[in-house]
Amino acid sequence: MEPGRDWIEQLAGGPVRDAQIEVKSLKGGIEAAHVALATVRYRDAAGRRRVLRYVRKQLSGRGLREAAVHQQLAATYAARMSPRFFAIEPH
């Protein structure tokens, strides 16, 4: 479950250089086949060192449907209280 460069650049808000990615498996995930913490160390367009961390879950079936519903409802009704979704990619 390696994060792709397009994901990293989307989350970072622009191009990244010298990206080093560390992915650490996490326990848990009732509906997720795999849960991981991704830590990305990189340089931004100005050459400054940056660190980006996010949780990535591998979902299918019921979990994927639940995530899609949560994404729509949270964005509309609970944006300040819910974890932010960046994307849902069905596999």
N, C-alpha and C. Protein backbone atom coordinates (compact mmCIF):
# COMPACT_ATOMS: atom_id res chain seq x y z
N MET A 1 0.84 -1.17 0.00
CA MET A 1 0.00 0.00 0.00
C MET A 1 0.89 1.24 0.00
N GLU A 2 1.66 1.41 -1.02
CA GLU A 2 2.59 2.53 -1.15
C GLU A 2 1.86 3.75 -1.74
N PRO A 3 1.97 4.92 -1.11
CA PRO A 3 1.31 6.10 -1.66
C PRO A 3 1.97 6.54 -2.96
N GLY A 4 1.17 6.97 -3.91
CA GLY A 4 1.69 7.42 -5.19
C GLY A 4 2.11 8.88 -5.15
N ARG A 5 2.96 9.25 -6.09
CA ARG A 5 3.47 10.62 -6.15
C ARG A 5 2.33 11.63 -6.33
N ASP A 6 1.31 11.28 -7.13
CA ASP A 6 0.20 12.20 -7.35
C ASP A 6 -0.54 12.49 -6.04
N TRP A 7 -0.69 11.46 -5.19
CA TRP A 7 -1.31 11.65 -3.87
C TRP A 7 -0.49 12.64 -3.04
N ILE A 8 0.81 12.40 -3.03
CA ILE A 8 1.70 13.23 -2.21
C ILE A 8 1.64 14.68 -2.67
N GLU A 9 1.70 14.89 -3.96
CA GLU A 9 1.67 16.26 -4.48
C GLU A 9 0.31 16.92 -4.24
N GLN A 10 -0.75 16.15 -4.29
CA GLN A 10 -2.08 16.69 -3.99
C GLN A 10 -2.15 17.14 -2.53
N LEU A 11 -1.68 16.29 -1.63
CA LEU A 11 -1.72 16.62 -0.21
C LEU A 11 -0.76 17.75 0.15
N ALA A 12 0.40 17.78 -0.53
CA ALA A 12 1.40 18.81 -0.26
C ALA A 12 1.04 20.15 -0.89
N GLY A 13 0.14 20.13 -1.85
CA GLY A 13 -0.27 21.37 -2.49
C GLY A 13 0.66 21.83 -3.60
N GLY A 14 1.46 20.93 -4.12
CA GLY A 14 2.36 21.29 -5.22
C GLY A 14 3.44 20.26 -5.42
N PRO A 15 4.34 20.54 -6.34
CA PRO A 15 5.41 19.58 -6.65
C PRO A 15 6.32 19.33 -5.46
N VAL A 16 6.80 18.10 -5.36
CA VAL A 16 7.73 17.73 -4.30
C VAL A 16 9.03 17.22 -4.92
N ARG A 17 10.12 17.43 -4.20
CA ARG A 17 11.42 16.92 -4.64
C ARG A 17 12.01 16.06 -3.53
N ASP A 18 12.85 15.12 -3.93
CA ASP A 18 13.59 14.27 -2.99
C ASP A 18 12.68 13.60 -1.95
N ALA A 19 11.54 13.10 -2.40
CA ALA A 19 10.58 12.50 -1.48
C ALA A 19 11.09 11.17 -0.94
N GLN A 20 11.00 11.01 0.37
CA GLN A 20 11.29 9.75 1.06
C GLN A 20 10.02 9.35 1.79
N ILE A 21 9.56 8.14 1.53
CA ILE A 21 8.28 7.69 2.07
C ILE A 21 8.51 6.54 3.03
N GLU A 22 7.93 6.65 4.21
CA GLU A 22 7.95 5.57 5.20
C GLU A 22 6.51 5.19 5.47
N VAL A 23 6.19 3.91 5.34
CA VAL A 23 4.83 3.43 5.59
C VAL A 23 4.89 2.44 6.75
N LYS A 24 4.13 2.73 7.80
CA LYS A 24 4.10 1.90 9.00
C LYS A 24 2.70 1.34 9.18
N SER A 25 2.58 0.03 9.22
CA SER A 25 1.27 -0.60 9.44
C SER A 25 0.76 -0.26 10.83
N LEU A 26 -0.55 -0.03 10.90
CA LEU A 26 -1.22 0.26 12.17
C LEU A 26 -2.23 -0.83 12.47
N LYS A 27 -2.46 -1.08 13.74
CA LYS A 27 -3.49 -2.04 14.13
C LYS A 27 -4.84 -1.35 14.06
N GLY A 28 -5.86 -2.14 13.86
CA GLY A 28 -7.21 -1.59 13.84
C GLY A 28 -7.80 -1.63 12.45
N GLY A 29 -8.86 -0.91 12.30
CA GLY A 29 -9.53 -0.88 11.01
C GLY A 29 -10.61 -1.94 10.93
N ILE A 30 -11.74 -1.68 11.53
CA ILE A 30 -12.84 -2.64 11.56
C ILE A 30 -13.24 -3.05 10.15
N GLU A 31 -13.37 -2.08 9.25
CA GLU A 31 -13.79 -2.35 7.88
C GLU A 31 -12.61 -2.34 6.90
N ALA A 32 -11.43 -2.04 7.36
CA ALA A 32 -10.27 -1.90 6.47
C ALA A 32 -9.42 -3.16 6.47
N ALA A 33 -9.02 -3.59 5.26
CA ALA A 33 -8.13 -4.74 5.14
C ALA A 33 -6.72 -4.38 5.62
N HIS A 34 -6.35 -3.11 5.48
CA HIS A 34 -5.03 -2.66 5.90
C HIS A 34 -5.12 -1.18 6.26
N VAL A 35 -4.43 -0.80 7.35
CA VAL A 35 -4.36 0.60 7.77
C VAL A 35 -2.88 0.93 7.96
N ALA A 36 -2.45 2.08 7.45
CA ALA A 36 -1.05 2.44 7.56
C ALA A 36 -0.90 3.94 7.77
N LEU A 37 0.17 4.31 8.46
CA LEU A 37 0.56 5.70 8.62
C LEU A 37 1.67 5.97 7.61
N ALA A 38 1.45 6.90 6.71
CA ALA A 38 2.47 7.27 5.72
C ALA A 38 3.13 8.56 6.19
N THR A 39 4.45 8.56 6.26
CA THR A 39 5.24 9.74 6.58
C THR A 39 6.08 10.06 5.35
N VAL A 40 5.92 11.26 4.83
CA VAL A 40 6.63 11.67 3.63
C VAL A 40 7.53 12.85 3.99
N ARG A 41 8.81 12.69 3.75
CA ARG A 41 9.77 13.78 3.93
C ARG A 41 10.18 14.23 2.54
N TYR A 42 10.11 15.53 2.30
CA TYR A 42 10.38 16.04 0.95
C TYR A 42 10.83 17.49 1.01
N ARG A 43 11.18 18.02 -0.15
CA ARG A 43 11.48 19.44 -0.30
C ARG A 43 10.41 20.04 -1.20
N ASP A 44 9.91 21.21 -0.79
CA ASP A 44 8.89 21.87 -1.60
C ASP A 44 9.55 22.63 -2.76
N ALA A 45 8.75 23.36 -3.52
CA ALA A 45 9.25 24.06 -4.71
C ALA A 45 10.32 25.09 -4.36
N ALA A 46 10.29 25.63 -3.14
CA ALA A 46 11.28 26.61 -2.70
C ALA A 46 12.50 25.95 -2.07
N GLY A 47 12.52 24.61 -2.01
CA GLY A 47 13.66 23.90 -1.45
C GLY A 47 13.59 23.69 0.06
N ARG A 48 12.49 24.08 0.70
CA ARG A 48 12.35 23.90 2.15
C ARG A 48 11.99 22.45 2.47
N ARG A 49 12.54 21.96 3.56
CA ARG A 49 12.21 20.61 4.02
C ARG A 49 10.82 20.60 4.64
N ARG A 50 10.06 19.58 4.30
CA ARG A 50 8.69 19.44 4.80
C ARG A 50 8.45 18.00 5.20
N VAL A 51 7.48 17.81 6.10
CA VAL A 51 7.05 16.48 6.51
C VAL A 51 5.52 16.46 6.40
N LEU A 52 5.01 15.40 5.82
CA LEU A 52 3.58 15.22 5.65
C LEU A 52 3.22 13.83 6.19
N ARG A 53 2.20 13.76 7.03
CA ARG A 53 1.74 12.48 7.56
C ARG A 53 0.25 12.34 7.31
N TYR A 54 -0.14 11.12 6.93
CA TYR A 54 -1.57 10.84 6.78
C TYR A 54 -1.82 9.36 6.95
N VAL A 55 -3.06 9.02 7.30
CA VAL A 55 -3.46 7.63 7.46
C VAL A 55 -4.14 7.19 6.17
N ARG A 56 -3.75 6.02 5.73
CA ARG A 56 -4.30 5.45 4.50
C ARG A 56 -4.93 4.10 4.84
N LYS A 57 -6.16 3.90 4.36
CA LYS A 57 -6.87 2.65 4.62
C LYS A 57 -7.20 1.95 3.31
N GLN A 58 -7.07 0.65 3.31
CA GLN A 58 -7.45 -0.15 2.15
C GLN A 58 -8.84 -0.71 2.42
N LEU A 59 -9.81 -0.25 1.65
CA LEU A 59 -11.20 -0.62 1.86
C LEU A 59 -11.76 -1.37 0.67
N SER A 60 -12.78 -2.17 0.93
CA SER A 60 -13.52 -2.82 -0.14
C SER A 60 -14.94 -3.09 0.37
N GLY A 61 -15.84 -3.38 -0.56
CA GLY A 61 -17.20 -3.75 -0.19
C GLY A 61 -17.89 -2.74 0.70
N ARG A 62 -18.38 -3.22 1.83
CA ARG A 62 -19.15 -2.40 2.77
C ARG A 62 -18.34 -1.19 3.26
N GLY A 63 -17.08 -1.40 3.54
CA GLY A 63 -16.23 -0.30 4.02
C GLY A 63 -16.08 0.81 3.00
N LEU A 64 -15.98 0.44 1.74
CA LEU A 64 -15.85 1.42 0.66
C LEU A 64 -17.14 2.24 0.53
N ARG A 65 -18.27 1.56 0.59
CA ARG A 65 -19.56 2.26 0.53
C ARG A 65 -19.72 3.20 1.73
N GLU A 66 -19.36 2.73 2.92
CA GLU A 66 -19.47 3.55 4.12
C GLU A 66 -18.58 4.79 4.02
N ALA A 67 -17.39 4.63 3.49
CA ALA A 67 -16.48 5.77 3.34
C ALA A 67 -17.05 6.81 2.39
N ALA A 68 -17.66 6.37 1.31
CA ALA A 68 -18.25 7.31 0.35
C ALA A 68 -19.40 8.10 0.98
N VAL A 69 -20.24 7.42 1.76
CA VAL A 69 -21.34 8.10 2.45
C VAL A 69 -20.78 9.07 3.48
N HIS A 70 -19.80 8.63 4.25
CA HIS A 70 -19.19 9.48 5.28
C HIS A 70 -18.58 10.72 4.64
N GLN A 71 -17.92 10.56 3.51
CA GLN A 71 -17.29 11.69 2.83
C GLN A 71 -18.32 12.75 2.47
N GLN A 72 -19.44 12.33 1.94
CA GLN A 72 -20.49 13.28 1.55
C GLN A 72 -21.14 13.93 2.76
N LEU A 73 -21.47 13.14 3.76
CA LEU A 73 -22.15 13.67 4.94
C LEU A 73 -21.22 14.57 5.77
N ALA A 74 -20.00 14.15 5.97
CA ALA A 74 -19.06 14.93 6.78
C ALA A 74 -18.77 16.26 6.13
N ALA A 75 -18.59 16.28 4.83
CA ALA A 75 -18.30 17.54 4.13
C ALA A 75 -19.46 18.51 4.27
N THR A 76 -20.67 17.99 4.27
CA THR A 76 -21.86 18.85 4.32
C THR A 76 -22.23 19.25 5.74
N TYR A 77 -22.19 18.30 6.69
CA TYR A 77 -22.76 18.55 8.01
C TYR A 77 -21.77 18.58 9.17
N ALA A 78 -20.59 18.03 9.02
CA ALA A 78 -19.69 17.92 10.17
C ALA A 78 -18.24 18.19 9.80
N ALA A 79 -18.01 19.16 8.94
CA ALA A 79 -16.65 19.41 8.44
C ALA A 79 -15.66 19.73 9.56
N ARG A 80 -16.11 20.40 10.61
CA ARG A 80 -15.19 20.78 11.70
C ARG A 80 -14.91 19.63 12.66
N MET A 81 -15.79 18.63 12.69
CA MET A 81 -15.65 17.55 13.67
C MET A 81 -15.09 16.26 13.09
N SER A 82 -15.18 16.07 11.79
CA SER A 82 -14.79 14.80 11.17
C SER A 82 -13.40 14.86 10.57
N PRO A 83 -12.72 13.71 10.56
CA PRO A 83 -11.45 13.67 9.84
C PRO A 83 -11.69 13.99 8.37
N ARG A 84 -10.75 14.69 7.76
CA ARG A 84 -10.91 15.09 6.36
C ARG A 84 -10.53 13.95 5.43
N PHE A 85 -11.36 13.72 4.44
CA PHE A 85 -11.07 12.75 3.39
C PHE A 85 -10.35 13.47 2.27
N PHE A 86 -9.33 12.87 1.72
CA PHE A 86 -8.65 13.44 0.58
C PHE A 86 -9.16 12.81 -0.71
N ALA A 87 -9.41 11.52 -0.66
CA ALA A 87 -9.91 10.82 -1.85
C ALA A 87 -10.32 9.41 -1.46
N ILE A 88 -11.19 8.86 -2.26
CA ILE A 88 -11.56 7.46 -2.15
C ILE A 88 -11.29 6.85 -3.51
N GLU A 89 -10.44 5.84 -3.54
CA GLU A 89 -10.10 5.18 -4.80
C GLU A 89 -10.54 3.73 -4.73
N PRO A 90 -11.61 3.36 -5.42
CA PRO A 90 -12.02 1.95 -5.39
C PRO A 90 -11.01 1.08 -6.13
N HIS A 91 -10.81 -0.12 -5.61
CA HIS A 91 -9.87 -1.07 -6.24
C HIS A 91 -10.62 -2.29 -6.70
